[in-house]
Amino acid sequence: MTVTATVVGVCKLVSVPTLDFGTLNQATAPVVNPPAVNVTYRCTKGTPPGSFKVGTLTSGPFNGVLSNGTDTITYTINWTPPTTAGSGLGSGVTPIDVPLIGSMPGGANYQNVSAGTYTQSVPIEISP
């Protein structure tokens, strides 16, 4: 008798934090560069990610638009596509970081918008 099994390579996101541009100062309207945030992932041992997407893009920059329902503010996210192979999906395996670097132009980009909270949901995807 022969007994077999096949393991399919898998990659999964472990953590996708919020990219927070903070409180914007309309009086001086500086360029805003918040600290980078790390999206973390794990893959099957020896499997590198074949695709990592921010929005629909596999490489940056991603140009986004924050909205409060009335006004909009533009921003950009840059990243380097990850290539590090995973060491497994189980407990005790250190996830791999992908830094996402946000930037927002200053000046008229947000100087004449109404007060409020501005948001956008951006899908993040990874696959082997």
N, C-alpha and C. Protein backbone atom coordinates (compact mmCIF):
# COMPACT_ATOMS: atom_id res chain seq x y z
N MET A 1 0.84 -1.17 0.00
CA MET A 1 0.00 0.00 0.00
C MET A 1 0.89 1.24 0.00
N THR A 2 0.47 2.22 -0.78
CA THR A 2 1.13 3.51 -0.81
C THR A 2 0.21 4.53 -0.15
N VAL A 3 0.80 5.34 0.69
CA VAL A 3 0.06 6.42 1.34
C VAL A 3 0.71 7.72 0.91
N THR A 4 -0.08 8.69 0.46
CA THR A 4 0.48 9.96 -0.01
C THR A 4 -0.29 11.14 0.56
N ALA A 5 0.34 12.26 0.49
CA ALA A 5 -0.29 13.54 0.84
C ALA A 5 0.42 14.63 0.05
N THR A 6 -0.29 15.67 -0.27
CA THR A 6 0.27 16.81 -0.99
C THR A 6 0.03 18.07 -0.18
N VAL A 7 1.08 18.84 0.01
CA VAL A 7 0.96 20.13 0.71
C VAL A 7 1.01 21.23 -0.35
N VAL A 8 0.01 22.04 -0.37
CA VAL A 8 -0.07 23.15 -1.31
C VAL A 8 0.49 24.40 -0.63
N GLY A 9 1.33 25.14 -1.34
CA GLY A 9 1.88 26.38 -0.79
C GLY A 9 0.80 27.41 -0.55
N VAL A 10 0.84 28.01 0.63
CA VAL A 10 -0.15 29.01 1.02
C VAL A 10 0.57 30.21 1.62
N CYS A 11 0.06 31.39 1.37
CA CYS A 11 0.51 32.60 2.05
C CYS A 11 -0.71 33.26 2.66
N LYS A 12 -0.55 33.81 3.87
CA LYS A 12 -1.68 34.49 4.50
C LYS A 12 -1.18 35.73 5.25
N LEU A 13 -2.05 36.73 5.27
CA LEU A 13 -1.76 37.95 6.02
C LEU A 13 -1.97 37.68 7.50
N VAL A 14 -1.06 38.18 8.31
CA VAL A 14 -1.16 38.02 9.76
C VAL A 14 -1.67 39.31 10.39
N SER A 15 -1.19 40.45 9.89
CA SER A 15 -1.55 41.74 10.46
C SER A 15 -1.58 42.81 9.38
N VAL A 16 -2.66 43.59 9.36
CA VAL A 16 -2.78 44.73 8.44
C VAL A 16 -3.19 45.93 9.29
N PRO A 17 -2.21 46.74 9.72
CA PRO A 17 -2.53 47.87 10.59
C PRO A 17 -3.13 49.06 9.83
N THR A 18 -3.58 50.03 10.57
CA THR A 18 -4.12 51.27 10.01
C THR A 18 -2.97 52.23 9.69
N LEU A 19 -3.00 52.81 8.50
CA LEU A 19 -2.06 53.87 8.14
C LEU A 19 -2.73 55.18 8.53
N ASP A 20 -2.21 55.84 9.57
CA ASP A 20 -2.86 57.01 10.15
C ASP A 20 -2.05 58.27 9.85
N PHE A 21 -2.64 59.18 9.09
CA PHE A 21 -1.98 60.45 8.78
C PHE A 21 -2.13 61.47 9.91
N GLY A 22 -2.85 61.11 10.95
CA GLY A 22 -2.98 61.97 12.12
C GLY A 22 -3.87 63.17 11.88
N THR A 23 -3.69 64.18 12.71
CA THR A 23 -4.47 65.42 12.63
C THR A 23 -3.75 66.38 11.69
N LEU A 24 -4.45 66.85 10.68
CA LEU A 24 -3.85 67.72 9.68
C LEU A 24 -3.98 69.19 10.07
N ASN A 25 -2.91 69.94 9.89
CA ASN A 25 -2.88 71.36 10.23
C ASN A 25 -3.14 72.17 8.97
N GLN A 26 -4.38 72.66 8.82
CA GLN A 26 -4.73 73.42 7.62
C GLN A 26 -4.05 74.78 7.57
N ALA A 27 -3.67 75.33 8.70
CA ALA A 27 -3.05 76.65 8.72
C ALA A 27 -1.70 76.64 8.01
N THR A 28 -0.89 75.61 8.22
CA THR A 28 0.42 75.54 7.60
C THR A 28 0.46 74.53 6.46
N ALA A 29 -0.46 73.56 6.44
CA ALA A 29 -0.61 72.55 5.39
C ALA A 29 0.71 71.93 4.94
N PRO A 30 1.46 71.34 5.87
CA PRO A 30 2.72 70.71 5.46
C PRO A 30 2.48 69.38 4.75
N VAL A 31 3.52 68.90 4.08
CA VAL A 31 3.51 67.54 3.56
C VAL A 31 3.47 66.62 4.78
N VAL A 32 2.72 65.53 4.73
CA VAL A 32 2.59 64.63 5.87
C VAL A 32 3.17 63.27 5.50
N ASN A 33 4.15 62.82 6.27
CA ASN A 33 4.76 61.51 6.08
C ASN A 33 4.69 60.75 7.39
N PRO A 34 3.61 59.99 7.61
CA PRO A 34 3.49 59.25 8.87
C PRO A 34 4.52 58.13 8.93
N PRO A 35 4.76 57.59 10.13
CA PRO A 35 5.67 56.44 10.21
C PRO A 35 5.15 55.29 9.35
N ALA A 36 6.08 54.54 8.76
CA ALA A 36 5.69 53.37 7.96
C ALA A 36 4.96 52.38 8.86
N VAL A 37 4.04 51.65 8.28
CA VAL A 37 3.37 50.56 9.00
C VAL A 37 3.79 49.25 8.34
N ASN A 38 3.83 48.19 9.13
CA ASN A 38 4.23 46.89 8.60
C ASN A 38 3.03 45.97 8.46
N VAL A 39 2.78 45.54 7.23
CA VAL A 39 1.85 44.44 6.98
C VAL A 39 2.69 43.19 7.17
N THR A 40 2.18 42.20 7.90
CA THR A 40 2.95 40.99 8.13
C THR A 40 2.26 39.79 7.50
N TYR A 41 3.08 38.83 7.06
CA TYR A 41 2.55 37.63 6.43
C TYR A 41 3.35 36.40 6.84
N ARG A 42 2.76 35.24 6.59
CA ARG A 42 3.42 33.95 6.73
C ARG A 42 3.10 33.14 5.47
N CYS A 43 4.06 32.30 5.07
CA CYS A 43 3.85 31.40 3.94
C CYS A 43 4.32 30.00 4.32
N THR A 44 3.81 29.02 3.60
CA THR A 44 4.28 27.65 3.75
C THR A 44 5.80 27.64 3.67
N LYS A 45 6.43 26.81 4.46
CA LYS A 45 7.90 26.72 4.51
C LYS A 45 8.46 26.60 3.09
N GLY A 46 9.38 27.52 2.76
CA GLY A 46 10.04 27.52 1.46
C GLY A 46 9.24 28.17 0.34
N THR A 47 8.04 28.65 0.63
CA THR A 47 7.19 29.27 -0.39
C THR A 47 7.28 30.79 -0.31
N PRO A 48 7.73 31.45 -1.39
CA PRO A 48 7.72 32.91 -1.40
C PRO A 48 6.36 33.42 -1.89
N PRO A 49 6.02 34.64 -1.54
CA PRO A 49 4.78 35.20 -2.10
C PRO A 49 4.95 35.44 -3.60
N GLY A 50 3.97 35.01 -4.36
CA GLY A 50 4.00 35.25 -5.79
C GLY A 50 3.36 36.58 -6.15
N SER A 51 2.45 37.02 -5.28
CA SER A 51 1.74 38.26 -5.53
C SER A 51 1.42 38.94 -4.20
N PHE A 52 1.69 40.23 -4.14
CA PHE A 52 1.33 41.06 -2.99
C PHE A 52 0.69 42.30 -3.57
N LYS A 53 -0.56 42.57 -3.21
CA LYS A 53 -1.28 43.69 -3.80
C LYS A 53 -1.73 44.69 -2.75
N VAL A 54 -1.57 45.95 -3.09
CA VAL A 54 -2.18 47.06 -2.35
C VAL A 54 -3.18 47.65 -3.33
N GLY A 55 -4.46 47.59 -2.95
CA GLY A 55 -5.50 47.91 -3.92
C GLY A 55 -5.45 46.84 -4.99
N THR A 56 -5.27 47.22 -6.23
CA THR A 56 -5.15 46.25 -7.32
C THR A 56 -3.73 46.20 -7.87
N LEU A 57 -2.79 46.89 -7.22
CA LEU A 57 -1.43 47.02 -7.75
C LEU A 57 -0.44 46.07 -7.07
N THR A 58 0.43 45.45 -7.88
CA THR A 58 1.46 44.58 -7.33
C THR A 58 2.77 45.34 -7.08
N SER A 59 2.85 46.57 -7.51
CA SER A 59 3.99 47.43 -7.16
C SER A 59 3.48 48.86 -7.06
N GLY A 60 4.20 49.66 -6.26
CA GLY A 60 3.73 51.00 -5.97
C GLY A 60 4.13 52.01 -7.01
N PRO A 61 3.64 53.20 -6.86
CA PRO A 61 2.83 53.66 -5.74
C PRO A 61 1.33 53.43 -5.96
N PHE A 62 0.64 53.28 -4.84
CA PHE A 62 -0.82 53.27 -4.85
C PHE A 62 -1.26 54.69 -4.54
N ASN A 63 -2.06 55.28 -5.41
CA ASN A 63 -2.58 56.63 -5.20
C ASN A 63 -4.01 56.53 -4.70
N GLY A 64 -4.21 56.96 -3.45
CA GLY A 64 -5.51 56.83 -2.83
C GLY A 64 -6.19 58.17 -2.63
N VAL A 65 -7.47 58.09 -2.28
CA VAL A 65 -8.27 59.28 -2.02
C VAL A 65 -9.07 59.05 -0.75
N LEU A 66 -8.76 59.83 0.28
CA LEU A 66 -9.54 59.81 1.51
C LEU A 66 -10.78 60.67 1.29
N SER A 67 -11.89 60.26 1.89
CA SER A 67 -13.12 61.03 1.72
C SER A 67 -13.89 61.10 3.04
N ASN A 68 -14.59 62.20 3.23
CA ASN A 68 -15.51 62.32 4.36
C ASN A 68 -16.96 62.29 3.86
N GLY A 69 -17.14 61.93 2.60
CA GLY A 69 -18.46 61.90 1.98
C GLY A 69 -18.75 63.14 1.16
N THR A 70 -18.01 64.21 1.42
CA THR A 70 -18.18 65.47 0.70
C THR A 70 -16.89 65.90 0.03
N ASP A 71 -15.82 65.99 0.81
CA ASP A 71 -14.52 66.44 0.32
C ASP A 71 -13.54 65.26 0.24
N THR A 72 -12.44 65.47 -0.48
CA THR A 72 -11.44 64.42 -0.63
C THR A 72 -10.03 64.96 -0.39
N ILE A 73 -9.14 64.04 0.02
CA ILE A 73 -7.73 64.33 0.24
C ILE A 73 -6.93 63.20 -0.40
N THR A 74 -5.96 63.53 -1.26
CA THR A 74 -5.16 62.50 -1.92
C THR A 74 -3.94 62.11 -1.08
N TYR A 75 -3.49 60.89 -1.29
CA TYR A 75 -2.30 60.37 -0.61
C TYR A 75 -1.70 59.27 -1.46
N THR A 76 -0.50 58.82 -1.08
CA THR A 76 0.21 57.77 -1.80
C THR A 76 0.77 56.76 -0.81
N ILE A 77 0.77 55.48 -1.22
CA ILE A 77 1.42 54.42 -0.45
C ILE A 77 2.47 53.78 -1.35
N ASN A 78 3.71 53.68 -0.85
CA ASN A 78 4.79 53.00 -1.56
C ASN A 78 5.21 51.76 -0.78
N TRP A 79 5.69 50.74 -1.49
CA TRP A 79 6.20 49.52 -0.87
C TRP A 79 7.08 48.81 -1.88
N THR A 80 7.87 47.89 -1.37
CA THR A 80 8.66 47.01 -2.22
C THR A 80 8.01 45.64 -2.18
N PRO A 81 7.68 45.05 -3.33
CA PRO A 81 7.03 43.74 -3.32
C PRO A 81 7.89 42.71 -2.57
N PRO A 82 7.29 41.96 -1.65
CA PRO A 82 8.07 41.02 -0.85
C PRO A 82 8.47 39.79 -1.65
N THR A 83 9.64 39.24 -1.33
CA THR A 83 10.12 38.03 -1.99
C THR A 83 10.58 36.97 -0.99
N THR A 84 10.55 37.28 0.30
CA THR A 84 11.05 36.35 1.32
C THR A 84 10.13 35.15 1.46
N ALA A 85 10.72 33.97 1.32
CA ALA A 85 9.96 32.72 1.48
C ALA A 85 9.59 32.53 2.94
N GLY A 86 8.47 31.89 3.15
CA GLY A 86 8.00 31.64 4.50
C GLY A 86 8.74 30.50 5.17
N SER A 87 8.57 30.43 6.47
CA SER A 87 9.16 29.33 7.24
C SER A 87 8.06 28.51 7.91
N GLY A 88 6.83 28.72 7.50
CA GLY A 88 5.71 27.95 8.02
C GLY A 88 4.57 28.84 8.48
N LEU A 89 3.45 28.19 8.78
CA LEU A 89 2.25 28.91 9.19
C LEU A 89 1.91 28.70 10.66
N GLY A 90 2.57 27.79 11.32
CA GLY A 90 2.22 27.43 12.69
C GLY A 90 2.74 28.39 13.74
N SER A 91 2.43 28.08 14.98
CA SER A 91 2.88 28.91 16.10
C SER A 91 4.40 28.86 16.21
N GLY A 92 4.96 29.92 16.72
CA GLY A 92 6.40 30.01 16.88
C GLY A 92 7.14 30.47 15.65
N VAL A 93 6.44 30.68 14.54
CA VAL A 93 7.06 31.16 13.31
C VAL A 93 6.93 32.68 13.26
N THR A 94 8.04 33.35 13.05
CA THR A 94 8.03 34.81 13.00
C THR A 94 7.47 35.28 11.67
N PRO A 95 6.43 36.13 11.70
CA PRO A 95 5.89 36.67 10.44
C PRO A 95 6.92 37.58 9.76
N ILE A 96 6.73 37.77 8.47
CA ILE A 96 7.62 38.60 7.67
C ILE A 96 6.92 39.94 7.43
N ASP A 97 7.69 41.04 7.57
CA ASP A 97 7.14 42.39 7.44
C ASP A 97 7.27 42.93 6.03
N VAL A 98 6.24 43.66 5.60
CA VAL A 98 6.28 44.44 4.37
C VAL A 98 5.95 45.88 4.77
N PRO A 99 6.96 46.78 4.80
CA PRO A 99 6.69 48.17 5.17
C PRO A 99 5.87 48.90 4.11
N LEU A 100 4.81 49.56 4.54
CA LEU A 100 4.02 50.43 3.67
C LEU A 100 4.31 51.86 4.09
N ILE A 101 4.74 52.68 3.15
CA ILE A 101 5.17 54.05 3.44
C ILE A 101 4.18 55.03 2.82
N GLY A 102 3.49 55.76 3.68
CA GLY A 102 2.50 56.72 3.22
C GLY A 102 3.07 58.11 3.11
N SER A 103 2.52 58.89 2.18
CA SER A 103 2.86 60.31 2.07
C SER A 103 1.65 61.07 1.55
N MET A 104 1.55 62.30 1.97
CA MET A 104 0.44 63.15 1.57
C MET A 104 0.99 64.52 1.22
N PRO A 105 0.70 65.01 0.00
CA PRO A 105 1.17 66.34 -0.35
C PRO A 105 0.52 67.40 0.52
N GLY A 106 1.20 68.49 0.71
CA GLY A 106 0.65 69.57 1.53
C GLY A 106 -0.11 70.58 0.67
N GLY A 107 -0.17 71.78 1.17
CA GLY A 107 -0.81 72.86 0.42
C GLY A 107 -2.29 72.65 0.19
N ALA A 108 -2.73 72.92 -1.02
CA ALA A 108 -4.15 72.88 -1.37
C ALA A 108 -4.76 71.48 -1.28
N ASN A 109 -3.95 70.44 -1.13
CA ASN A 109 -4.47 69.08 -1.05
C ASN A 109 -5.50 68.94 0.06
N TYR A 110 -5.26 69.60 1.20
CA TYR A 110 -6.25 69.51 2.29
C TYR A 110 -6.51 70.85 2.96
N GLN A 111 -6.00 71.93 2.40
CA GLN A 111 -6.14 73.24 3.03
C GLN A 111 -7.57 73.78 2.96
N ASN A 112 -8.34 73.36 1.97
CA ASN A 112 -9.69 73.92 1.80
C ASN A 112 -10.80 72.87 1.94
N VAL A 113 -10.54 71.83 2.73
CA VAL A 113 -11.57 70.80 2.94
C VAL A 113 -12.28 71.06 4.27
N SER A 114 -13.47 70.49 4.40
CA SER A 114 -14.22 70.65 5.65
C SER A 114 -13.65 69.77 6.75
N ALA A 115 -13.96 70.16 8.00
CA ALA A 115 -13.52 69.38 9.16
C ALA A 115 -14.23 68.04 9.17
N GLY A 116 -13.58 67.04 9.72
CA GLY A 116 -14.19 65.72 9.83
C GLY A 116 -13.16 64.62 9.70
N THR A 117 -13.62 63.41 9.72
CA THR A 117 -12.77 62.24 9.58
C THR A 117 -12.82 61.75 8.14
N TYR A 118 -11.67 61.54 7.57
CA TYR A 118 -11.53 61.09 6.19
C TYR A 118 -11.00 59.67 6.17
N THR A 119 -11.61 58.79 5.39
CA THR A 119 -11.20 57.39 5.35
C THR A 119 -11.24 56.82 3.94
N GLN A 120 -10.56 55.73 3.76
CA GLN A 120 -10.65 54.90 2.57
C GLN A 120 -10.23 53.49 2.98
N SER A 121 -10.96 52.50 2.52
CA SER A 121 -10.57 51.10 2.73
C SER A 121 -9.79 50.65 1.52
N VAL A 122 -8.58 50.13 1.77
CA VAL A 122 -7.71 49.66 0.70
C VAL A 122 -7.44 48.19 0.92
N PRO A 123 -7.86 47.32 -0.01
CA PRO A 123 -7.61 45.89 0.18
C PRO A 123 -6.12 45.57 0.05
N ILE A 124 -5.65 44.66 0.91
CA ILE A 124 -4.28 44.14 0.86
C ILE A 124 -4.42 42.63 0.64
N GLU A 125 -3.72 42.09 -0.35
CA GLU A 125 -3.82 40.67 -0.68
C GLU A 125 -2.43 40.07 -0.85
N ILE A 126 -2.29 38.80 -0.48
CA ILE A 126 -1.04 38.07 -0.71
C ILE A 126 -1.41 36.66 -1.17
N SER A 127 -0.59 36.13 -2.09
CA SER A 127 -0.81 34.76 -2.54
C SER A 127 0.55 34.16 -2.91
N PRO A 128 0.63 32.82 -2.87
CA PRO A 128 1.92 32.18 -3.21
C PRO A 128 2.21 32.23 -4.70
